[in-house]
Amino acid sequence: MKLLASATLALACLTSAAQAQVNAGSQTPEATLPFTLTQVATFNLPWRIAFLPDGRMLITEKVGPLWLVTQQGAKTQVSNVPAVLAQGQGGMLGLYLSPNYASDRFVYLTYSEPGDSGGSSLALARAKLAITDGAASLDGLQVIWRDGARGRGDAGTRRAVWCRRRILAGQEVPLSHRG
């Protein structure tokens, strides 16, 4: 029985080594791309992007700011953004437009909300994006879900999922926490 187990283990090790993945990072880039890449602005740890119907972009930085950016690269910092605790995997994490954004102007944010004791928890908030000449703000910010556990560990990420016009928060736990 031990011989059979040893042979099975050796065979598994040999076949997995023979089918190892190729590191794509060592391949040379293609001379042409099927799209055009143009840098329009720079950011400090850009994290999420959402395209508005008029072509402008909302871009989050993991450390907290939210920017309204034109296709020409003009940046306007959005005001009334919730405070975030940017440490480890935490910070300003998700940004989602309402499926009815053109009529309701709602945006949803997921982020690490700072706690009183120095820890943080995940939160999902909704606000109306107000854009005027040279300014943008999140009006009526409302936390619609928050994780009750506060701590200093890996925050993981949150993702907003639309289901029949309702928003659900689904947790993606980091691999190191999957037991």
N, C-alpha and C. Protein backbone atom coordinates (compact mmCIF):
# COMPACT_ATOMS: atom_id res chain seq x y z
N MET A 1 0.82 -1.19 0.00
CA MET A 1 0.00 0.00 0.00
C MET A 1 0.86 1.25 0.00
N LYS A 2 1.96 1.24 0.81
CA LYS A 2 2.86 2.39 0.85
C LYS A 2 3.51 2.60 -0.51
N LEU A 3 3.84 1.51 -1.20
CA LEU A 3 4.47 1.60 -2.51
C LEU A 3 3.51 2.24 -3.51
N LEU A 4 2.24 1.87 -3.44
CA LEU A 4 1.24 2.44 -4.34
C LEU A 4 1.06 3.94 -4.06
N ALA A 5 1.02 4.32 -2.79
CA ALA A 5 0.87 5.73 -2.43
C ALA A 5 2.09 6.53 -2.88
N SER A 6 3.28 5.98 -2.70
CA SER A 6 4.51 6.67 -3.13
C SER A 6 4.55 6.83 -4.64
N ALA A 7 4.14 5.79 -5.36
CA ALA A 7 4.14 5.86 -6.82
C ALA A 7 3.12 6.90 -7.31
N THR A 8 1.97 6.95 -6.68
CA THR A 8 0.94 7.93 -7.06
C THR A 8 1.42 9.35 -6.81
N LEU A 9 2.05 9.58 -5.66
CA LEU A 9 2.58 10.90 -5.34
C LEU A 9 3.67 11.30 -6.32
N ALA A 10 4.59 10.40 -6.63
CA ALA A 10 5.67 10.71 -7.58
C ALA A 10 5.10 11.01 -8.96
N LEU A 11 4.12 10.24 -9.40
CA LEU A 11 3.50 10.47 -10.71
C LEU A 11 2.80 11.83 -10.75
N ALA A 12 2.11 12.18 -9.67
CA ALA A 12 1.43 13.48 -9.61
C ALA A 12 2.43 14.63 -9.68
N CYS A 13 3.55 14.49 -8.98
CA CYS A 13 4.58 15.54 -9.00
C CYS A 13 5.20 15.67 -10.38
N LEU A 14 5.47 14.57 -11.04
CA LEU A 14 6.09 14.62 -12.36
C LEU A 14 5.15 15.21 -13.40
N THR A 15 3.88 14.85 -13.36
CA THR A 15 2.96 15.38 -14.38
C THR A 15 2.67 16.85 -14.16
N SER A 16 2.62 17.30 -12.91
CA SER A 16 2.36 18.72 -12.69
C SER A 16 3.56 19.56 -13.10
N ALA A 17 4.76 19.05 -12.95
CA ALA A 17 5.94 19.79 -13.38
C ALA A 17 5.99 19.87 -14.90
N ALA A 18 5.53 18.83 -15.57
CA ALA A 18 5.56 18.83 -17.02
C ALA A 18 4.53 19.79 -17.61
N GLN A 19 3.49 20.13 -16.85
CA GLN A 19 2.44 21.01 -17.35
C GLN A 19 2.50 22.38 -16.69
N ALA A 20 3.68 22.82 -16.28
CA ALA A 20 3.80 24.12 -15.62
C ALA A 20 3.42 25.23 -16.59
N GLN A 21 2.86 26.31 -16.05
CA GLN A 21 2.44 27.43 -16.89
C GLN A 21 3.66 28.23 -17.35
N VAL A 22 3.51 28.85 -18.50
CA VAL A 22 4.55 29.70 -19.05
C VAL A 22 4.37 31.11 -18.49
N ASN A 23 5.44 31.73 -18.08
CA ASN A 23 5.38 33.10 -17.58
C ASN A 23 5.19 34.04 -18.75
N ALA A 24 4.00 34.63 -18.83
CA ALA A 24 3.68 35.54 -19.94
C ALA A 24 4.53 36.80 -19.88
N GLY A 25 5.09 37.13 -18.71
CA GLY A 25 5.91 38.32 -18.57
C GLY A 25 7.20 38.27 -19.36
N SER A 26 7.63 37.10 -19.75
CA SER A 26 8.88 37.01 -20.51
C SER A 26 8.66 37.09 -22.02
N GLN A 27 7.41 37.12 -22.44
CA GLN A 27 7.12 37.23 -23.87
C GLN A 27 7.26 38.67 -24.32
N THR A 28 7.73 38.85 -25.53
CA THR A 28 7.86 40.20 -26.06
C THR A 28 6.49 40.72 -26.48
N PRO A 29 6.24 42.02 -26.31
CA PRO A 29 4.93 42.56 -26.66
C PRO A 29 4.70 42.55 -28.17
N GLU A 30 3.44 42.51 -28.54
CA GLU A 30 3.10 42.57 -29.95
C GLU A 30 3.36 43.98 -30.47
N ALA A 31 3.73 44.09 -31.73
CA ALA A 31 4.03 45.39 -32.31
C ALA A 31 2.78 46.27 -32.42
N THR A 32 1.65 45.65 -32.65
CA THR A 32 0.40 46.42 -32.78
C THR A 32 -0.61 45.90 -31.78
N LEU A 33 -1.46 46.79 -31.28
CA LEU A 33 -2.51 46.43 -30.35
C LEU A 33 -3.86 46.64 -31.02
N PRO A 34 -4.88 45.89 -30.61
CA PRO A 34 -6.20 46.08 -31.21
C PRO A 34 -6.94 47.29 -30.63
N PHE A 35 -6.25 48.15 -29.90
CA PHE A 35 -6.84 49.34 -29.31
C PHE A 35 -5.75 50.40 -29.17
N THR A 36 -6.16 51.62 -28.90
CA THR A 36 -5.22 52.71 -28.70
C THR A 36 -5.10 53.00 -27.21
N LEU A 37 -3.90 53.09 -26.72
CA LEU A 37 -3.63 53.38 -25.32
C LEU A 37 -3.10 54.79 -25.22
N THR A 38 -3.83 55.66 -24.49
CA THR A 38 -3.43 57.06 -24.35
C THR A 38 -3.51 57.46 -22.89
N GLN A 39 -2.41 57.92 -22.33
CA GLN A 39 -2.41 58.39 -20.95
C GLN A 39 -2.98 59.80 -20.94
N VAL A 40 -4.01 60.02 -20.10
CA VAL A 40 -4.62 61.34 -20.04
C VAL A 40 -4.39 62.02 -18.70
N ALA A 41 -4.06 61.26 -17.65
CA ALA A 41 -3.83 61.85 -16.33
C ALA A 41 -3.02 60.86 -15.48
N THR A 42 -2.51 61.34 -14.36
CA THR A 42 -1.78 60.47 -13.43
C THR A 42 -2.51 60.47 -12.08
N PHE A 43 -2.34 59.38 -11.35
CA PHE A 43 -3.04 59.20 -10.08
C PHE A 43 -2.13 58.54 -9.06
N ASN A 44 -2.52 58.64 -7.80
CA ASN A 44 -1.83 57.98 -6.71
C ASN A 44 -2.62 56.72 -6.35
N LEU A 45 -2.15 55.58 -6.80
CA LEU A 45 -2.82 54.29 -6.60
C LEU A 45 -4.24 54.25 -7.15
N PRO A 46 -4.41 54.46 -8.46
CA PRO A 46 -5.76 54.37 -9.04
C PRO A 46 -6.31 52.97 -8.82
N TRP A 47 -7.61 52.89 -8.52
CA TRP A 47 -8.17 51.59 -8.15
C TRP A 47 -9.35 51.18 -9.03
N ARG A 48 -10.36 52.03 -9.16
CA ARG A 48 -11.54 51.68 -9.96
C ARG A 48 -11.87 52.81 -10.93
N ILE A 49 -12.55 52.43 -11.99
CA ILE A 49 -12.96 53.41 -12.99
C ILE A 49 -14.40 53.09 -13.41
N ALA A 50 -15.17 54.15 -13.61
CA ALA A 50 -16.53 54.00 -14.13
C ALA A 50 -16.72 55.08 -15.18
N PHE A 51 -17.22 54.68 -16.33
CA PHE A 51 -17.44 55.63 -17.42
C PHE A 51 -18.85 56.18 -17.35
N LEU A 52 -18.95 57.50 -17.36
CA LEU A 52 -20.24 58.17 -17.35
C LEU A 52 -20.81 58.19 -18.77
N PRO A 53 -22.11 58.34 -18.92
CA PRO A 53 -22.71 58.34 -20.26
C PRO A 53 -22.14 59.39 -21.21
N ASP A 54 -21.63 60.53 -20.66
CA ASP A 54 -21.10 61.58 -21.53
C ASP A 54 -19.62 61.38 -21.87
N GLY A 55 -19.03 60.26 -21.46
CA GLY A 55 -17.65 59.96 -21.80
C GLY A 55 -16.64 60.31 -20.72
N ARG A 56 -17.05 61.10 -19.73
CA ARG A 56 -16.15 61.38 -18.62
C ARG A 56 -16.01 60.13 -17.76
N MET A 57 -15.01 60.15 -16.89
CA MET A 57 -14.72 59.00 -16.06
C MET A 57 -14.72 59.39 -14.59
N LEU A 58 -15.18 58.50 -13.74
CA LEU A 58 -14.98 58.60 -12.31
C LEU A 58 -13.87 57.61 -11.97
N ILE A 59 -12.85 58.08 -11.26
CA ILE A 59 -11.72 57.23 -10.94
C ILE A 59 -11.43 57.35 -9.45
N THR A 60 -11.34 56.20 -8.78
CA THR A 60 -10.98 56.20 -7.37
C THR A 60 -9.49 55.97 -7.22
N GLU A 61 -8.97 56.52 -6.14
CA GLU A 61 -7.62 56.18 -5.70
C GLU A 61 -7.79 55.37 -4.43
N LYS A 62 -7.01 54.33 -4.28
CA LYS A 62 -7.14 53.47 -3.11
C LYS A 62 -6.98 54.25 -1.82
N VAL A 63 -6.19 55.31 -1.84
CA VAL A 63 -5.94 56.10 -0.62
C VAL A 63 -7.09 57.04 -0.30
N GLY A 64 -8.11 57.11 -1.15
CA GLY A 64 -9.31 57.85 -0.77
C GLY A 64 -9.94 58.79 -1.77
N PRO A 65 -9.21 59.60 -2.51
CA PRO A 65 -9.89 60.55 -3.40
C PRO A 65 -10.70 59.89 -4.51
N LEU A 66 -11.69 60.64 -4.97
CA LEU A 66 -12.49 60.27 -6.13
C LEU A 66 -12.38 61.43 -7.10
N TRP A 67 -12.10 61.12 -8.36
CA TRP A 67 -11.86 62.14 -9.37
C TRP A 67 -12.86 62.02 -10.51
N LEU A 68 -13.28 63.16 -11.02
CA LEU A 68 -14.04 63.25 -12.27
C LEU A 68 -13.02 63.68 -13.32
N VAL A 69 -12.88 62.88 -14.37
CA VAL A 69 -11.82 63.11 -15.35
C VAL A 69 -12.42 63.16 -16.75
N THR A 70 -12.02 64.18 -17.52
CA THR A 70 -12.48 64.26 -18.91
C THR A 70 -11.58 63.40 -19.78
N GLN A 71 -11.99 63.17 -21.00
CA GLN A 71 -11.17 62.39 -21.93
C GLN A 71 -9.90 63.14 -22.31
N GLN A 72 -9.86 64.45 -22.07
CA GLN A 72 -8.67 65.24 -22.35
C GLN A 72 -7.72 65.25 -21.14
N GLY A 73 -8.15 64.70 -20.00
CA GLY A 73 -7.30 64.59 -18.83
C GLY A 73 -7.52 65.63 -17.75
N ALA A 74 -8.49 66.52 -17.92
CA ALA A 74 -8.78 67.50 -16.87
C ALA A 74 -9.38 66.78 -15.67
N LYS A 75 -8.79 66.97 -14.49
CA LYS A 75 -9.21 66.29 -13.27
C LYS A 75 -9.91 67.27 -12.33
N THR A 76 -11.05 66.84 -11.79
CA THR A 76 -11.77 67.59 -10.76
C THR A 76 -11.96 66.65 -9.58
N GLN A 77 -11.46 67.03 -8.40
CA GLN A 77 -11.65 66.18 -7.23
C GLN A 77 -13.10 66.29 -6.76
N VAL A 78 -13.72 65.15 -6.54
CA VAL A 78 -15.10 65.09 -6.09
C VAL A 78 -15.12 65.33 -4.58
N SER A 79 -15.98 66.23 -4.12
CA SER A 79 -16.08 66.51 -2.69
C SER A 79 -17.13 65.63 -2.02
N ASN A 80 -17.16 65.67 -0.70
CA ASN A 80 -18.09 64.89 0.13
C ASN A 80 -17.89 63.39 0.00
N VAL A 81 -16.66 62.97 -0.27
CA VAL A 81 -16.33 61.55 -0.35
C VAL A 81 -16.12 61.04 1.08
N PRO A 82 -16.60 59.84 1.41
CA PRO A 82 -16.42 59.36 2.78
C PRO A 82 -14.95 59.14 3.12
N ALA A 83 -14.64 59.27 4.41
CA ALA A 83 -13.28 58.99 4.88
C ALA A 83 -13.01 57.50 4.74
N VAL A 84 -11.78 57.16 4.39
CA VAL A 84 -11.39 55.75 4.27
C VAL A 84 -10.14 55.51 5.11
N LEU A 85 -9.94 54.26 5.49
CA LEU A 85 -8.71 53.86 6.14
C LEU A 85 -7.94 53.03 5.14
N ALA A 86 -6.92 53.62 4.55
CA ALA A 86 -6.13 52.96 3.51
C ALA A 86 -4.91 52.31 4.15
N GLN A 87 -5.04 51.04 4.44
CA GLN A 87 -3.91 50.25 4.96
C GLN A 87 -4.12 48.82 4.53
N GLY A 88 -3.04 48.13 4.22
CA GLY A 88 -3.17 46.75 3.75
C GLY A 88 -4.04 46.70 2.51
N GLN A 89 -5.06 45.86 2.56
CA GLN A 89 -5.97 45.75 1.42
C GLN A 89 -7.13 46.73 1.50
N GLY A 90 -7.17 47.56 2.54
CA GLY A 90 -8.27 48.49 2.71
C GLY A 90 -8.05 49.80 2.00
N GLY A 91 -9.12 50.55 1.85
CA GLY A 91 -9.08 51.86 1.21
C GLY A 91 -10.38 52.09 0.46
N MET A 92 -10.33 52.96 -0.54
CA MET A 92 -11.49 53.18 -1.42
C MET A 92 -11.45 52.04 -2.43
N LEU A 93 -12.41 51.14 -2.37
CA LEU A 93 -12.30 49.89 -3.12
C LEU A 93 -13.15 49.83 -4.38
N GLY A 94 -14.44 50.06 -4.26
CA GLY A 94 -15.31 49.86 -5.42
C GLY A 94 -16.05 51.11 -5.81
N LEU A 95 -16.43 51.18 -7.06
CA LEU A 95 -17.17 52.31 -7.61
C LEU A 95 -18.11 51.76 -8.68
N TYR A 96 -19.40 52.03 -8.52
CA TYR A 96 -20.38 51.47 -9.43
C TYR A 96 -21.43 52.52 -9.75
N LEU A 97 -21.84 52.59 -10.99
CA LEU A 97 -22.94 53.47 -11.39
C LEU A 97 -24.25 52.71 -11.27
N SER A 98 -25.29 53.40 -10.88
CA SER A 98 -26.62 52.81 -10.86
C SER A 98 -26.98 52.39 -12.28
N PRO A 99 -27.72 51.29 -12.44
CA PRO A 99 -28.17 50.91 -13.78
C PRO A 99 -29.03 52.00 -14.42
N ASN A 100 -29.60 52.88 -13.58
CA ASN A 100 -30.42 53.99 -14.07
C ASN A 100 -29.70 55.32 -13.89
N TYR A 101 -28.37 55.30 -13.96
CA TYR A 101 -27.58 56.50 -13.68
C TYR A 101 -28.03 57.70 -14.52
N ALA A 102 -28.35 57.51 -15.77
CA ALA A 102 -28.73 58.63 -16.64
C ALA A 102 -29.90 59.42 -16.07
N SER A 103 -30.79 58.77 -15.31
CA SER A 103 -31.94 59.47 -14.75
C SER A 103 -31.81 59.73 -13.24
N ASP A 104 -31.13 58.85 -12.49
CA ASP A 104 -31.09 59.04 -11.03
C ASP A 104 -29.76 59.58 -10.50
N ARG A 105 -28.67 59.51 -11.28
CA ARG A 105 -27.35 60.04 -10.91
C ARG A 105 -26.73 59.38 -9.68
N PHE A 106 -27.19 58.18 -9.30
CA PHE A 106 -26.64 57.51 -8.13
C PHE A 106 -25.35 56.78 -8.46
N VAL A 107 -24.39 56.90 -7.55
CA VAL A 107 -23.17 56.11 -7.60
C VAL A 107 -23.07 55.36 -6.28
N TYR A 108 -22.44 54.20 -6.32
CA TYR A 108 -22.25 53.36 -5.15
C TYR A 108 -20.76 53.19 -4.92
N LEU A 109 -20.35 53.27 -3.67
CA LEU A 109 -18.94 53.13 -3.30
C LEU A 109 -18.80 52.02 -2.26
N THR A 110 -17.76 51.23 -2.37
CA THR A 110 -17.40 50.31 -1.30
C THR A 110 -16.03 50.73 -0.81
N TYR A 111 -15.86 50.73 0.52
CA TYR A 111 -14.62 51.27 1.08
C TYR A 111 -14.40 50.75 2.50
N SER A 112 -13.18 50.92 3.00
CA SER A 112 -12.84 50.59 4.38
C SER A 112 -13.16 51.81 5.23
N GLU A 113 -14.17 51.68 6.06
CA GLU A 113 -14.63 52.78 6.89
C GLU A 113 -13.84 52.79 8.20
N PRO A 114 -13.20 53.92 8.53
CA PRO A 114 -12.41 53.98 9.77
C PRO A 114 -13.30 53.81 11.00
N GLY A 115 -12.76 53.11 12.00
CA GLY A 115 -13.48 52.92 13.25
C GLY A 115 -12.90 53.80 14.34
N ASP A 116 -13.62 53.89 15.46
CA ASP A 116 -13.17 54.72 16.58
C ASP A 116 -11.88 54.20 17.20
N SER A 117 -11.68 52.89 17.20
CA SER A 117 -10.51 52.31 17.86
C SER A 117 -9.32 52.13 16.93
N GLY A 118 -9.36 52.70 15.75
CA GLY A 118 -8.25 52.59 14.82
C GLY A 118 -8.40 51.51 13.78
N GLY A 119 -9.35 50.61 13.96
CA GLY A 119 -9.59 49.57 12.97
C GLY A 119 -10.50 50.09 11.87
N SER A 120 -10.98 49.19 11.05
CA SER A 120 -11.90 49.58 9.98
C SER A 120 -12.86 48.44 9.69
N SER A 121 -13.92 48.76 8.99
CA SER A 121 -14.84 47.74 8.49
C SER A 121 -15.26 48.17 7.09
N LEU A 122 -15.80 47.24 6.37
CA LEU A 122 -16.23 47.52 5.00
C LEU A 122 -17.60 48.18 5.00
N ALA A 123 -17.79 49.10 4.09
CA ALA A 123 -19.07 49.80 3.97
C ALA A 123 -19.45 49.94 2.51
N LEU A 124 -20.74 49.99 2.27
CA LEU A 124 -21.31 50.24 0.95
C LEU A 124 -22.19 51.47 1.09
N ALA A 125 -21.91 52.50 0.31
CA ALA A 125 -22.65 53.75 0.41
C ALA A 125 -23.20 54.14 -0.95
N ARG A 126 -24.25 54.95 -0.92
CA ARG A 126 -24.88 55.47 -2.13
C ARG A 126 -24.97 56.98 -2.01
N ALA A 127 -24.72 57.67 -3.12
CA ALA A 127 -24.84 59.13 -3.15
C ALA A 127 -25.21 59.55 -4.56
N LYS A 128 -25.72 60.77 -4.65
CA LYS A 128 -26.06 61.34 -5.96
C LYS A 128 -24.86 62.17 -6.41
N LEU A 129 -24.38 61.93 -7.62
CA LEU A 129 -23.26 62.69 -8.17
C LEU A 129 -23.79 63.99 -8.76
N ALA A 130 -23.34 65.10 -8.18
CA ALA A 130 -23.73 66.43 -8.67
C ALA A 130 -22.54 67.05 -9.36
N ILE A 131 -22.72 67.43 -10.62
CA ILE A 131 -21.64 68.03 -11.40
C ILE A 131 -22.08 69.42 -11.85
N THR A 132 -21.26 70.42 -11.53
CA THR A 132 -21.49 71.79 -11.99
C THR A 132 -20.23 72.26 -12.68
N ASP A 133 -20.21 73.49 -13.16
CA ASP A 133 -19.03 74.02 -13.82
C ASP A 133 -17.84 74.02 -12.86
N GLY A 134 -16.86 73.18 -13.14
CA GLY A 134 -15.63 73.14 -12.36
C GLY A 134 -15.72 72.48 -11.00
N ALA A 135 -16.85 71.83 -10.67
CA ALA A 135 -16.98 71.18 -9.36
C ALA A 135 -17.82 69.91 -9.49
N ALA A 136 -17.56 69.00 -8.56
CA ALA A 136 -18.34 67.77 -8.48
C ALA A 136 -18.42 67.36 -7.02
N SER A 137 -19.56 66.81 -6.63
CA SER A 137 -19.71 66.37 -5.24
C SER A 137 -20.64 65.17 -5.15
N LEU A 138 -20.51 64.44 -4.05
CA LEU A 138 -21.42 63.36 -3.72
C LEU A 138 -22.44 63.93 -2.75
N ASP A 139 -23.67 64.05 -3.18
CA ASP A 139 -24.71 64.63 -2.34
C ASP A 139 -25.56 63.54 -1.70
N GLY A 140 -25.91 63.76 -0.43
CA GLY A 140 -26.79 62.83 0.28
C GLY A 140 -26.18 61.47 0.49
N LEU A 141 -24.87 61.41 0.77
CA LEU A 141 -24.20 60.12 0.98
C LEU A 141 -24.89 59.36 2.10
N GLN A 142 -25.23 58.12 1.82
CA GLN A 142 -25.92 57.27 2.79
C GLN A 142 -25.26 55.90 2.80
N VAL A 143 -24.79 55.47 3.97
CA VAL A 143 -24.26 54.11 4.10
C VAL A 143 -25.45 53.17 4.12
N ILE A 144 -25.51 52.25 3.16
CA ILE A 144 -26.64 51.34 3.08
C ILE A 144 -26.30 49.95 3.58
N TRP A 145 -25.02 49.69 3.82
CA TRP A 145 -24.59 48.43 4.42
C TRP A 145 -23.22 48.65 5.04
N ARG A 146 -23.01 48.04 6.20
CA ARG A 146 -21.66 48.05 6.78
C ARG A 146 -21.43 46.73 7.49
N ASP A 147 -20.20 46.28 7.41
CA ASP A 147 -19.78 45.07 8.08
C ASP A 147 -19.57 45.42 9.55
N GLY A 148 -20.21 44.69 10.44
CA GLY A 148 -20.11 45.01 11.86
C GLY A 148 -18.75 44.74 12.47
N ALA A 149 -17.97 43.85 11.88
CA ALA A 149 -16.67 43.52 12.46
C ALA A 149 -15.66 44.60 12.13
N ARG A 150 -15.01 45.10 13.14
CA ARG A 150 -13.94 46.08 12.93
C ARG A 150 -12.64 45.42 13.31
N GLY A 151 -11.61 45.69 12.52
CA GLY A 151 -10.32 45.08 12.83
C GLY A 151 -9.21 45.70 12.03
N ARG A 152 -8.08 45.07 12.07
CA ARG A 152 -6.91 45.55 11.36
C ARG A 152 -6.43 44.53 10.32
N GLY A 153 -7.16 43.46 10.12
CA GLY A 153 -6.75 42.43 9.18
C GLY A 153 -7.04 42.81 7.75
N ASP A 154 -6.89 41.85 6.87
CA ASP A 154 -7.19 42.08 5.46
C ASP A 154 -8.66 42.37 5.30
N ALA A 155 -8.95 43.44 4.59
CA ALA A 155 -10.34 43.83 4.40
C ALA A 155 -11.00 43.01 3.31
N GLY A 156 -10.22 42.40 2.44
CA GLY A 156 -10.81 41.76 1.28
C GLY A 156 -11.38 42.83 0.38
N THR A 157 -12.31 42.49 -0.44
CA THR A 157 -12.95 43.50 -1.28
C THR A 157 -14.44 43.27 -1.26
N ARG A 158 -15.15 44.26 -1.69
CA ARG A 158 -16.60 44.15 -1.81
C ARG A 158 -16.97 44.44 -3.25
N ARG A 159 -18.03 43.85 -3.65
CA ARG A 159 -18.49 44.08 -5.01
C ARG A 159 -20.00 44.25 -4.97
N ALA A 160 -20.46 45.23 -5.70
CA ALA A 160 -21.90 45.48 -5.78
C ALA A 160 -22.47 44.62 -6.89
N VAL A 161 -23.56 43.95 -6.61
CA VAL A 161 -24.19 43.08 -7.59
C VAL A 161 -25.64 43.53 -7.75
N TRP A 162 -26.05 43.77 -8.99
CA TRP A 162 -27.42 44.20 -9.26
C TRP A 162 -28.28 42.97 -9.50
N CYS A 163 -29.39 42.92 -8.84
CA CYS A 163 -30.31 41.81 -9.02
C CYS A 163 -31.73 42.37 -8.99
N ARG A 164 -32.37 42.41 -10.13
CA ARG A 164 -33.74 42.93 -10.23
C ARG A 164 -33.88 44.29 -9.57
N ARG A 165 -32.98 45.19 -9.94
CA ARG A 165 -32.98 46.58 -9.48
C ARG A 165 -32.71 46.74 -7.99
N ARG A 166 -32.15 45.73 -7.38
CA ARG A 166 -31.74 45.83 -5.98
C ARG A 166 -30.25 45.60 -5.93
N ILE A 167 -29.59 46.23 -4.99
CA ILE A 167 -28.16 46.08 -4.88
C ILE A 167 -27.85 45.13 -3.73
N LEU A 168 -26.97 44.21 -3.99
CA LEU A 168 -26.54 43.25 -2.99
C LEU A 168 -25.04 43.40 -2.83
N ALA A 169 -24.53 43.20 -1.65
CA ALA A 169 -23.09 43.25 -1.42
C ALA A 169 -22.60 41.82 -1.26
N GLY A 170 -21.59 41.46 -2.01
CA GLY A 170 -21.04 40.11 -1.93
C GLY A 170 -19.58 40.17 -1.55
N GLN A 171 -19.17 39.37 -0.60
CA GLN A 171 -17.80 39.43 -0.12
C GLN A 171 -16.92 38.48 -0.89
N GLU A 172 -15.74 38.96 -1.25
CA GLU A 172 -14.69 38.13 -1.79
C GLU A 172 -13.60 38.08 -0.73
N VAL A 173 -13.39 36.93 -0.14
CA VAL A 173 -12.43 36.81 0.95
C VAL A 173 -11.06 36.52 0.36
N PRO A 174 -10.00 37.21 0.86
CA PRO A 174 -8.65 36.91 0.36
C PRO A 174 -8.31 35.44 0.54
N LEU A 175 -7.51 34.89 -0.36
CA LEU A 175 -7.16 33.48 -0.30
C LEU A 175 -6.57 33.08 1.03
N SER A 176 -5.83 34.00 1.68
CA SER A 176 -5.19 33.67 2.95
C SER A 176 -6.21 33.44 4.06
N HIS A 177 -7.48 33.79 3.86
CA HIS A 177 -8.51 33.64 4.88
C HIS A 177 -9.50 32.52 4.56
N ARG A 178 -9.23 31.71 3.57
CA ARG A 178 -10.20 30.72 3.14
C ARG A 178 -10.06 29.38 3.84
N GLY A 179 -9.25 29.28 4.82
CA GLY A 179 -9.19 28.08 5.63
C GLY A 179 -8.90 26.82 5.00
